[in-house]
Amino acid sequence: MDEAAAPAQPRNPLHGVTLEAMLNALVAHYGWPGLGERIVLRCFTHEPSIASSLKFLRRTPWAREKVESLYAFMLREQRRQPAPAAGPG
């Protein structure tokens, strides 16, 4: 009955992804300025760093939910983009 204790979540894109991994992926994709435009938080717009942002997000559930939402949106957008075509080689 282990399945009942830890149900599989194959359709949940956030399952098993740490907040730090989400934040790193968002910064890599949008950059700090782009992230600060999409989620207006001081930790993203004034001297941003992964460490200070994580500290704030771990204490602030509503802000963490915004980050999780943007991360899920980013993943959906990446899946919609066509794969790059292989050039002549």
PDB file of N, CA and C in Angstrom:
ATOM      1  N   MET A   1       0.812  -1.200   0.000  1.00  0.00           N
ATOM      2  CA  MET A   1       0.000   0.000   0.000  1.00  0.00           C
ATOM      3  C   MET A   1       0.857   1.267   0.000  1.00  0.00           C
ATOM      4  N   ASP A   2       2.072   1.177  -0.476  1.00  0.00           N
ATOM      5  CA  ASP A   2       2.932   2.346  -0.546  1.00  0.00           C
ATOM      6  C   ASP A   2       2.387   3.388  -1.505  1.00  0.00           C
ATOM      7  N   GLU A   3       1.651   2.958  -2.527  1.00  0.00           N
ATOM      8  CA  GLU A   3       1.106   3.900  -3.502  1.00  0.00           C
ATOM      9  C   GLU A   3       0.155   4.896  -2.858  1.00  0.00           C
ATOM     10  N   ALA A   4      -0.590   4.464  -1.847  1.00  0.00           N
ATOM     11  CA  ALA A   4      -1.512   5.364  -1.161  1.00  0.00           C
ATOM     12  C   ALA A   4      -0.745   6.398  -0.342  1.00  0.00           C
ATOM     13  N   ALA A   5       0.391   6.012   0.196  1.00  0.00           N
ATOM     14  CA  ALA A   5       1.185   6.926   1.017  1.00  0.00           C
ATOM     15  C   ALA A   5       1.868   7.997   0.165  1.00  0.00           C
ATOM     16  N   ALA A   6       2.328   7.611  -1.010  1.00  0.00           N
ATOM     17  CA  ALA A   6       3.015   8.554  -1.892  1.00  0.00           C
ATOM     18  C   ALA A   6       2.471   8.400  -3.311  1.00  0.00           C
ATOM     19  N   PRO A   7       1.318   9.010  -3.586  1.00  0.00           N
ATOM     20  CA  PRO A   7       0.713   8.832  -4.906  1.00  0.00           C
ATOM     21  C   PRO A   7       1.583   9.442  -6.002  1.00  0.00           C
ATOM     22  N   ALA A   8       1.634   8.760  -7.120  1.00  0.00           N
ATOM     23  CA  ALA A   8       2.389   9.267  -8.272  1.00  0.00           C
ATOM     24  C   ALA A   8       1.650  10.469  -8.845  1.00  0.00           C
ATOM     25  N   GLN A   9       2.405  11.419  -9.331  1.00  0.00           N
ATOM     26  CA  GLN A   9       1.808  12.622  -9.916  1.00  0.00           C
ATOM     27  C   GLN A   9       2.418  12.853 -11.295  1.00  0.00           C
ATOM     28  N   PRO A  10       2.125  11.967 -12.241  1.00  0.00           N
ATOM     29  CA  PRO A  10       2.775  12.088 -13.542  1.00  0.00           C
ATOM     30  C   PRO A  10       2.396  13.352 -14.314  1.00  0.00           C
ATOM     31  N   ARG A  11       1.257  13.953 -14.032  1.00  0.00           N
ATOM     32  CA  ARG A  11       0.829  15.136 -14.764  1.00  0.00           C
ATOM     33  C   ARG A  11       1.124  16.438 -14.021  1.00  0.00           C
ATOM     34  N   ASN A  12       1.735  16.363 -12.857  1.00  0.00           N
ATOM     35  CA  ASN A  12       2.059  17.557 -12.090  1.00  0.00           C
ATOM     36  C   ASN A  12       3.487  17.985 -12.422  1.00  0.00           C
ATOM     37  N   PRO A  13       3.655  19.079 -13.187  1.00  0.00           N
ATOM     38  CA  PRO A  13       5.012  19.482 -13.585  1.00  0.00           C
ATOM     39  C   PRO A  13       5.868  19.972 -12.420  1.00  0.00           C
ATOM     40  N   LEU A  14       5.250  20.269 -11.285  1.00  0.00           N
ATOM     41  CA  LEU A  14       6.003  20.765 -10.131  1.00  0.00           C
ATOM     42  C   LEU A  14       6.462  19.640  -9.208  1.00  0.00           C
ATOM     43  N   HIS A  15       5.942  18.440  -9.429  1.00  0.00           N
ATOM     44  CA  HIS A  15       6.261  17.322  -8.545  1.00  0.00           C
ATOM     45  C   HIS A  15       7.750  16.998  -8.594  1.00  0.00           C
ATOM     46  N   GLY A  16       8.380  17.048  -7.453  1.00  0.00           N
ATOM     47  CA  GLY A  16       9.793  16.708  -7.349  1.00  0.00           C
ATOM     48  C   GLY A  16      10.749  17.825  -7.728  1.00  0.00           C
ATOM     49  N   VAL A  17      10.229  19.006  -8.051  1.00  0.00           N
ATOM     50  CA  VAL A  17      11.085  20.140  -8.429  1.00  0.00           C
ATOM     51  C   VAL A  17      11.208  21.063  -7.223  1.00  0.00           C
ATOM     52  N   THR A  18      12.426  21.349  -6.824  1.00  0.00           N
ATOM     53  CA  THR A  18      12.627  22.226  -5.671  1.00  0.00           C
ATOM     54  C   THR A  18      12.379  23.680  -6.057  1.00  0.00           C
ATOM     55  N   LEU A  19      12.099  24.483  -5.070  1.00  0.00           N
ATOM     56  CA  LEU A  19      11.906  25.912  -5.295  1.00  0.00           C
ATOM     57  C   LEU A  19      13.177  26.523  -5.889  1.00  0.00           C
ATOM     58  N   GLU A  20      14.325  26.077  -5.425  1.00  0.00           N
ATOM     59  CA  GLU A  20      15.593  26.589  -5.953  1.00  0.00           C
ATOM     60  C   GLU A  20      15.749  26.239  -7.430  1.00  0.00           C
ATOM     61  N   ALA A  21      15.386  25.017  -7.810  1.00  0.00           N
ATOM     62  CA  ALA A  21      15.484  24.614  -9.216  1.00  0.00           C
ATOM     63  C   ALA A  21      14.535  25.444 -10.080  1.00  0.00           C
ATOM     64  N   MET A  22      13.323  25.699  -9.574  1.00  0.00           N
ATOM     65  CA  MET A  22      12.370  26.528 -10.313  1.00  0.00           C
ATOM     66  C   MET A  22      12.932  27.927 -10.524  1.00  0.00           C
ATOM     67  N   LEU A  23      13.455  28.503  -9.449  1.00  0.00           N
ATOM     68  CA  LEU A  23      13.977  29.863  -9.516  1.00  0.00           C
ATOM     69  C   LEU A  23      15.166  29.947 -10.468  1.00  0.00           C
ATOM     70  N   ASN A  24      16.059  28.971 -10.403  1.00  0.00           N
ATOM     71  CA  ASN A  24      17.207  28.949 -11.317  1.00  0.00           C
ATOM     72  C   ASN A  24      16.752  28.844 -12.769  1.00  0.00           C
ATOM     73  N   ALA A  25      15.753  28.017 -13.033  1.00  0.00           N
ATOM     74  CA  ALA A  25      15.243  27.861 -14.402  1.00  0.00           C
ATOM     75  C   ALA A  25      14.593  29.155 -14.884  1.00  0.00           C
ATOM     76  N   LEU A  26      13.834  29.813 -14.022  1.00  0.00           N
ATOM     77  CA  LEU A  26      13.178  31.065 -14.406  1.00  0.00           C
ATOM     78  C   LEU A  26      14.207  32.161 -14.686  1.00  0.00           C
ATOM     79  N   VAL A  27      15.229  32.249 -13.861  1.00  0.00           N
ATOM     80  CA  VAL A  27      16.267  33.259 -14.066  1.00  0.00           C
ATOM     81  C   VAL A  27      17.037  32.955 -15.355  1.00  0.00           C
ATOM     82  N   ALA A  28      17.301  31.680 -15.615  1.00  0.00           N
ATOM     83  CA  ALA A  28      18.006  31.314 -16.845  1.00  0.00           C
ATOM     84  C   ALA A  28      17.162  31.656 -18.074  1.00  0.00           C
ATOM     85  N   HIS A  29      15.857  31.480 -17.963  1.00  0.00           N
ATOM     86  CA  HIS A  29      14.964  31.710 -19.107  1.00  0.00           C
ATOM     87  C   HIS A  29      14.651  33.190 -19.319  1.00  0.00           C
ATOM     88  N   TYR A  30      14.259  33.886 -18.249  1.00  0.00           N
ATOM     89  CA  TYR A  30      13.809  35.276 -18.362  1.00  0.00           C
ATOM     90  C   TYR A  30      14.875  36.300 -17.973  1.00  0.00           C
ATOM     91  N   GLY A  31      15.851  35.891 -17.153  1.00  0.00           N
ATOM     92  CA  GLY A  31      16.802  36.840 -16.576  1.00  0.00           C
ATOM     93  C   GLY A  31      16.124  37.553 -15.400  1.00  0.00           C
ATOM     94  N   TRP A  32      16.915  38.183 -14.548  1.00  0.00           N
ATOM     95  CA  TRP A  32      16.331  38.895 -13.404  1.00  0.00           C
ATOM     96  C   TRP A  32      15.387  40.018 -13.841  1.00  0.00           C
ATOM     97  N   PRO A  33      15.766  40.827 -14.856  1.00  0.00           N
ATOM     98  CA  PRO A  33      14.841  41.906 -15.267  1.00  0.00           C
ATOM     99  C   PRO A  33      13.500  41.362 -15.764  1.00  0.00           C
ATOM    100  N   GLY A  34      13.538  40.303 -16.559  1.00  0.00           N
ATOM    101  CA  GLY A  34      12.300  39.718 -17.077  1.00  0.00           C
ATOM    102  C   GLY A  34      11.466  39.093 -15.981  1.00  0.00           C
ATOM    103  N   LEU A  35      12.127  38.465 -15.031  1.00  0.00           N
ATOM    104  CA  LEU A  35      11.411  37.868 -13.902  1.00  0.00           C
ATOM    105  C   LEU A  35      10.762  38.955 -13.056  1.00  0.00           C
ATOM    106  N   GLY A  36      11.493  40.059 -12.837  1.00  0.00           N
ATOM    107  CA  GLY A  36      10.961  41.178 -12.068  1.00  0.00           C
ATOM    108  C   GLY A  36       9.785  41.854 -12.745  1.00  0.00           C
ATOM    109  N   GLU A  37       9.738  41.814 -14.085  1.00  0.00           N
ATOM    110  CA  GLU A  37       8.587  42.372 -14.810  1.00  0.00           C
ATOM    111  C   GLU A  37       7.367  41.475 -14.692  1.00  0.00           C
ATOM    112  N   ARG A  38       7.584  40.163 -14.701  1.00  0.00           N
ATOM    113  CA  ARG A  38       6.472  39.221 -14.662  1.00  0.00           C
ATOM    114  C   ARG A  38       5.915  39.032 -13.255  1.00  0.00           C
ATOM    115  N   ILE A  39       6.802  39.048 -12.261  1.00  0.00           N
ATOM    116  CA  ILE A  39       6.394  38.949 -10.857  1.00  0.00           C
ATOM    117  C   ILE A  39       7.072  40.113 -10.143  1.00  0.00           C
ATOM    118  N   VAL A  40       6.308  41.137  -9.846  1.00  0.00           N
ATOM    119  CA  VAL A  40       6.902  42.344  -9.260  1.00  0.00           C
ATOM    120  C   VAL A  40       7.114  42.118  -7.761  1.00  0.00           C
ATOM    121  N   LEU A  41       8.328  41.702  -7.451  1.00  0.00           N
ATOM    122  CA  LEU A  41       8.745  41.505  -6.060  1.00  0.00           C
ATOM    123  C   LEU A  41      10.098  42.187  -5.899  1.00  0.00           C
ATOM    124  N   ARG A  42      10.277  42.830  -4.789  1.00  0.00           N
ATOM    125  CA  ARG A  42      11.527  43.540  -4.529  1.00  0.00           C
ATOM    126  C   ARG A  42      12.736  42.602  -4.608  1.00  0.00           C
ATOM    127  N   CYS A  43      12.576  41.358  -4.184  1.00  0.00           N
ATOM    128  CA  CYS A  43      13.709  40.420  -4.211  1.00  0.00           C
ATOM    129  C   CYS A  43      14.133  40.078  -5.639  1.00  0.00           C
ATOM    130  N   PHE A  44      13.298  40.403  -6.639  1.00  0.00           N
ATOM    131  CA  PHE A  44      13.650  40.169  -8.042  1.00  0.00           C
ATOM    132  C   PHE A  44      14.124  41.444  -8.735  1.00  0.00           C
ATOM    133  N   THR A  45      13.834  42.612  -8.158  1.00  0.00           N
ATOM    134  CA  THR A  45      14.124  43.865  -8.849  1.00  0.00           C
ATOM    135  C   THR A  45      15.244  44.687  -8.208  1.00  0.00           C
ATOM    136  N   HIS A  46      15.527  44.500  -6.938  1.00  0.00           N
ATOM    137  CA  HIS A  46      16.555  45.287  -6.239  1.00  0.00           C
ATOM    138  C   HIS A  46      17.637  44.359  -5.703  1.00  0.00           C
ATOM    139  N   GLU A  47      18.790  44.388  -6.343  1.00  0.00           N
ATOM    140  CA  GLU A  47      19.925  43.543  -5.968  1.00  0.00           C
ATOM    141  C   GLU A  47      19.509  42.081  -5.811  1.00  0.00           C
ATOM    142  N   PRO A  48      18.968  41.491  -6.887  1.00  0.00           N
ATOM    143  CA  PRO A  48      18.460  40.120  -6.777  1.00  0.00           C
ATOM    144  C   PRO A  48      19.577  39.090  -6.633  1.00  0.00           C
ATOM    145  N   SER A  49      19.265  38.046  -5.880  1.00  0.00           N
ATOM    146  CA  SER A  49      20.154  36.888  -5.783  1.00  0.00           C
ATOM    147  C   SER A  49      19.278  35.672  -5.494  1.00  0.00           C
ATOM    148  N   ILE A  50      19.794  34.523  -5.836  1.00  0.00           N
ATOM    149  CA  ILE A  50      19.047  33.286  -5.582  1.00  0.00           C
ATOM    150  C   ILE A  50      18.817  33.132  -4.079  1.00  0.00           C
ATOM    151  N   ALA A  51      19.856  33.336  -3.288  1.00  0.00           N
ATOM    152  CA  ALA A  51      19.760  33.129  -1.837  1.00  0.00           C
ATOM    153  C   ALA A  51      18.716  34.035  -1.191  1.00  0.00           C
ATOM    154  N   SER A  52      18.750  35.337  -1.505  1.00  0.00           N
ATOM    155  CA  SER A  52      17.796  36.249  -0.868  1.00  0.00           C
ATOM    156  C   SER A  52      16.379  35.986  -1.361  1.00  0.00           C
ATOM    157  N   SER A  53      16.246  35.629  -2.633  1.00  0.00           N
ATOM    158  CA  SER A  53      14.916  35.332  -3.168  1.00  0.00           C
ATOM    159  C   SER A  53      14.333  34.082  -2.527  1.00  0.00           C
ATOM    160  N   LEU A  54      15.167  33.046  -2.373  1.00  0.00           N
ATOM    161  CA  LEU A  54      14.688  31.814  -1.731  1.00  0.00           C
ATOM    162  C   LEU A  54      14.252  32.077  -0.295  1.00  0.00           C
ATOM    163  N   LYS A  55      15.015  32.879   0.422  1.00  0.00           N
ATOM    164  CA  LYS A  55      14.673  33.200   1.808  1.00  0.00           C
ATOM    165  C   LYS A  55      13.295  33.855   1.873  1.00  0.00           C
ATOM    166  N   PHE A  56      13.043  34.821   0.984  1.00  0.00           N
ATOM    167  CA  PHE A  56      11.746  35.493   0.950  1.00  0.00           C
ATOM    168  C   PHE A  56      10.631  34.540   0.519  1.00  0.00           C
ATOM    169  N   LEU A  57      10.865  33.784  -0.539  1.00  0.00           N
ATOM    170  CA  LEU A  57       9.819  32.909  -1.075  1.00  0.00           C
ATOM    171  C   LEU A  57       9.433  31.802  -0.096  1.00  0.00           C
ATOM    172  N   ARG A  58      10.391  31.315   0.669  1.00  0.00           N
ATOM    173  CA  ARG A  58      10.086  30.253   1.638  1.00  0.00           C
ATOM    174  C   ARG A  58       9.233  30.768   2.792  1.00  0.00           C
ATOM    175  N   ARG A  59       9.289  32.074   3.053  1.00  0.00           N
ATOM    176  CA  ARG A  59       8.489  32.657   4.139  1.00  0.00           C
ATOM    177  C   ARG A  59       7.171  33.237   3.645  1.00  0.00           C
ATOM    178  N   THR A  60       6.978  33.297   2.318  1.00  0.00           N
ATOM    179  CA  THR A  60       5.835  34.018   1.763  1.00  0.00           C
ATOM    180  C   THR A  60       5.066  33.131   0.793  1.00  0.00           C
ATOM    181  N   PRO A  61       4.053  32.416   1.287  1.00  0.00           N
ATOM    182  CA  PRO A  61       3.331  31.452   0.437  1.00  0.00           C
ATOM    183  C   PRO A  61       2.717  32.058  -0.828  1.00  0.00           C
ATOM    184  N   TRP A  62       2.154  33.263  -0.752  1.00  0.00           N
ATOM    185  CA  TRP A  62       1.516  33.834  -1.945  1.00  0.00           C
ATOM    186  C   TRP A  62       2.538  34.139  -3.030  1.00  0.00           C
ATOM    187  N   ALA A  63       3.741  34.540  -2.632  1.00  0.00           N
ATOM    188  CA  ALA A  63       4.790  34.822  -3.615  1.00  0.00           C
ATOM    189  C   ALA A  63       5.318  33.519  -4.218  1.00  0.00           C
ATOM    190  N   ARG A  64       5.450  32.498  -3.383  1.00  0.00           N
ATOM    191  CA  ARG A  64       5.902  31.195  -3.866  1.00  0.00           C
ATOM    192  C   ARG A  64       4.915  30.642  -4.892  1.00  0.00           C
ATOM    193  N   GLU A  65       3.607  30.840  -4.648  1.00  0.00           N
ATOM    194  CA  GLU A  65       2.589  30.383  -5.597  1.00  0.00           C
ATOM    195  C   GLU A  65       2.735  31.085  -6.942  1.00  0.00           C
ATOM    196  N   LYS A  66       3.088  32.364  -6.933  1.00  0.00           N
ATOM    197  CA  LYS A  66       3.294  33.100  -8.186  1.00  0.00           C
ATOM    198  C   LYS A  66       4.482  32.530  -8.955  1.00  0.00           C
ATOM    199  N   VAL A  67       5.548  32.198  -8.239  1.00  0.00           N
ATOM    200  CA  VAL A  67       6.731  31.620  -8.874  1.00  0.00           C
ATOM    201  C   VAL A  67       6.389  30.252  -9.458  1.00  0.00           C
ATOM    202  N   GLU A  68       5.658  29.439  -8.701  1.00  0.00           N
ATOM    203  CA  GLU A  68       5.267  28.116  -9.198  1.00  0.00           C
ATOM    204  C   GLU A  68       4.393  28.236 -10.434  1.00  0.00           C
ATOM    205  N   SER A  69       3.486  29.206 -10.436  1.00  0.00           N
ATOM    206  CA  SER A  69       2.608  29.435 -11.586  1.00  0.00           C
ATOM    207  C   SER A  69       3.407  29.842 -12.818  1.00  0.00           C
ATOM    208  N   LEU A  70       4.335  30.776 -12.645  1.00  0.00           N
ATOM    209  CA  LEU A  70       5.139  31.223 -13.776  1.00  0.00           C
ATOM    210  C   LEU A  70       6.008  30.081 -14.283  1.00  0.00           C
ATOM    211  N   TYR A  71       6.526  29.255 -13.397  1.00  0.00           N
ATOM    212  CA  TYR A  71       7.351  28.111 -13.796  1.00  0.00           C
ATOM    213  C   TYR A  71       6.521  27.144 -14.641  1.00  0.00           C
ATOM    214  N   ALA A  72       5.310  26.839 -14.198  1.00  0.00           N
ATOM    215  CA  ALA A  72       4.429  25.943 -14.959  1.00  0.00           C
ATOM    216  C   ALA A  72       4.107  26.549 -16.323  1.00  0.00           C
ATOM    217  N   PHE A  73       3.858  27.858 -16.365  1.00  0.00           N
ATOM    218  CA  PHE A  73       3.591  28.551 -17.630  1.00  0.00           C
ATOM    219  C   PHE A  73       4.795  28.445 -18.562  1.00  0.00           C
ATOM    220  N   MET A  74       5.982  28.656 -18.022  1.00  0.00           N
ATOM    221  CA  MET A  74       7.204  28.573 -18.820  1.00  0.00           C
ATOM    222  C   MET A  74       7.365  27.172 -19.423  1.00  0.00           C
ATOM    223  N   LEU A  75       7.087  26.145 -18.632  1.00  0.00           N
ATOM    224  CA  LEU A  75       7.195  24.777 -19.137  1.00  0.00           C
ATOM    225  C   LEU A  75       6.200  24.527 -20.269  1.00  0.00           C
ATOM    226  N   ARG A  76       4.958  25.028 -20.104  1.00  0.00           N
ATOM    227  CA  ARG A  76       3.950  24.868 -21.168  1.00  0.00           C
ATOM    228  C   ARG A  76       4.396  25.569 -22.443  1.00  0.00           C
ATOM    229  N   GLU A  77       4.929  26.772 -22.302  1.00  0.00           N
ATOM    230  CA  GLU A  77       5.401  27.522 -23.472  1.00  0.00           C
ATOM    231  C   GLU A  77       6.556  26.794 -24.159  1.00  0.00           C
ATOM    232  N   GLN A  78       7.444  26.221 -23.397  1.00  0.00           N
ATOM    233  CA  GLN A  78       8.578  25.503 -23.979  1.00  0.00           C
ATOM    234  C   GLN A  78       8.110  24.262 -24.740  1.00  0.00           C
ATOM    235  N   ARG A  79       7.080  23.590 -24.227  1.00  0.00           N
ATOM    236  CA  ARG A  79       6.554  22.405 -24.916  1.00  0.00           C
ATOM    237  C   ARG A  79       5.862  22.776 -26.214  1.00  0.00           C
ATOM    238  N   ARG A  80       5.279  23.968 -26.277  1.00  0.00           N
ATOM    239  CA  ARG A  80       4.555  24.398 -27.473  1.00  0.00           C
ATOM    240  C   ARG A  80       5.486  24.788 -28.608  1.00  0.00           C
ATOM    241  N   GLN A  81       6.696  25.193 -28.276  1.00  0.00           N
ATOM    242  CA  GLN A  81       7.634  25.624 -29.310  1.00  0.00           C
ATOM    243  C   GLN A  81       8.110  24.408 -30.105  1.00  0.00           C
ATOM    244  N   PRO A  82       8.184  24.563 -31.418  1.00  0.00           N
ATOM    245  CA  PRO A  82       8.675  23.450 -32.226  1.00  0.00           C
ATOM    246  C   PRO A  82      10.148  23.190 -31.946  1.00  0.00           C
ATOM    247  N   ALA A  83      10.536  21.947 -32.076  1.00  0.00           N
ATOM    248  CA  ALA A  83      11.939  21.584 -31.866  1.00  0.00           C
ATOM    249  C   ALA A  83      12.781  22.227 -32.962  1.00  0.00           C
ATOM    250  N   PRO A  84      13.964  22.691 -32.628  1.00  0.00           N
ATOM    251  CA  PRO A  84      14.806  23.315 -33.666  1.00  0.00           C
ATOM    252  C   PRO A  84      15.189  22.284 -34.736  1.00  0.00           C
ATOM    253  N   ALA A  85      15.084  22.706 -35.979  1.00  0.00           N
ATOM    254  CA  ALA A  85      15.417  21.807 -37.093  1.00  0.00           C
ATOM    255  C   ALA A  85      16.923  21.646 -37.193  1.00  0.00           C
ATOM    256  N   ALA A  86      17.330  20.448 -37.516  1.00  0.00           N
ATOM    257  CA  ALA A  86      18.759  20.191 -37.686  1.00  0.00           C
ATOM    258  C   ALA A  86      19.211  20.775 -39.018  1.00  0.00           C
ATOM    259  N   GLY A  87      20.263  21.535 -38.961  1.00  0.00           N
ATOM    260  CA  GLY A  87      20.782  22.172 -40.174  1.00  0.00           C
ATOM    261  C   GLY A  87      21.591  21.187 -41.000  1.00  0.00           C
ATOM    262  N   PRO A  88      21.932  21.592 -42.202  1.00  0.00           N
ATOM    263  CA  PRO A  88      22.754  20.710 -43.043  1.00  0.00           C
ATOM    264  C   PRO A  88      24.117  20.502 -42.396  1.00  0.00           C
ATOM    265  N   GLY A  89      24.598  19.300 -42.438  1.00  0.00           N
ATOM    266  CA  GLY A  89      25.819  19.095 -41.706  1.00  0.00           C
ATOM    267  C   GLY A  89      26.762  18.258 -42.381  1.00  0.00           C
TER     268      GLY A  89
END
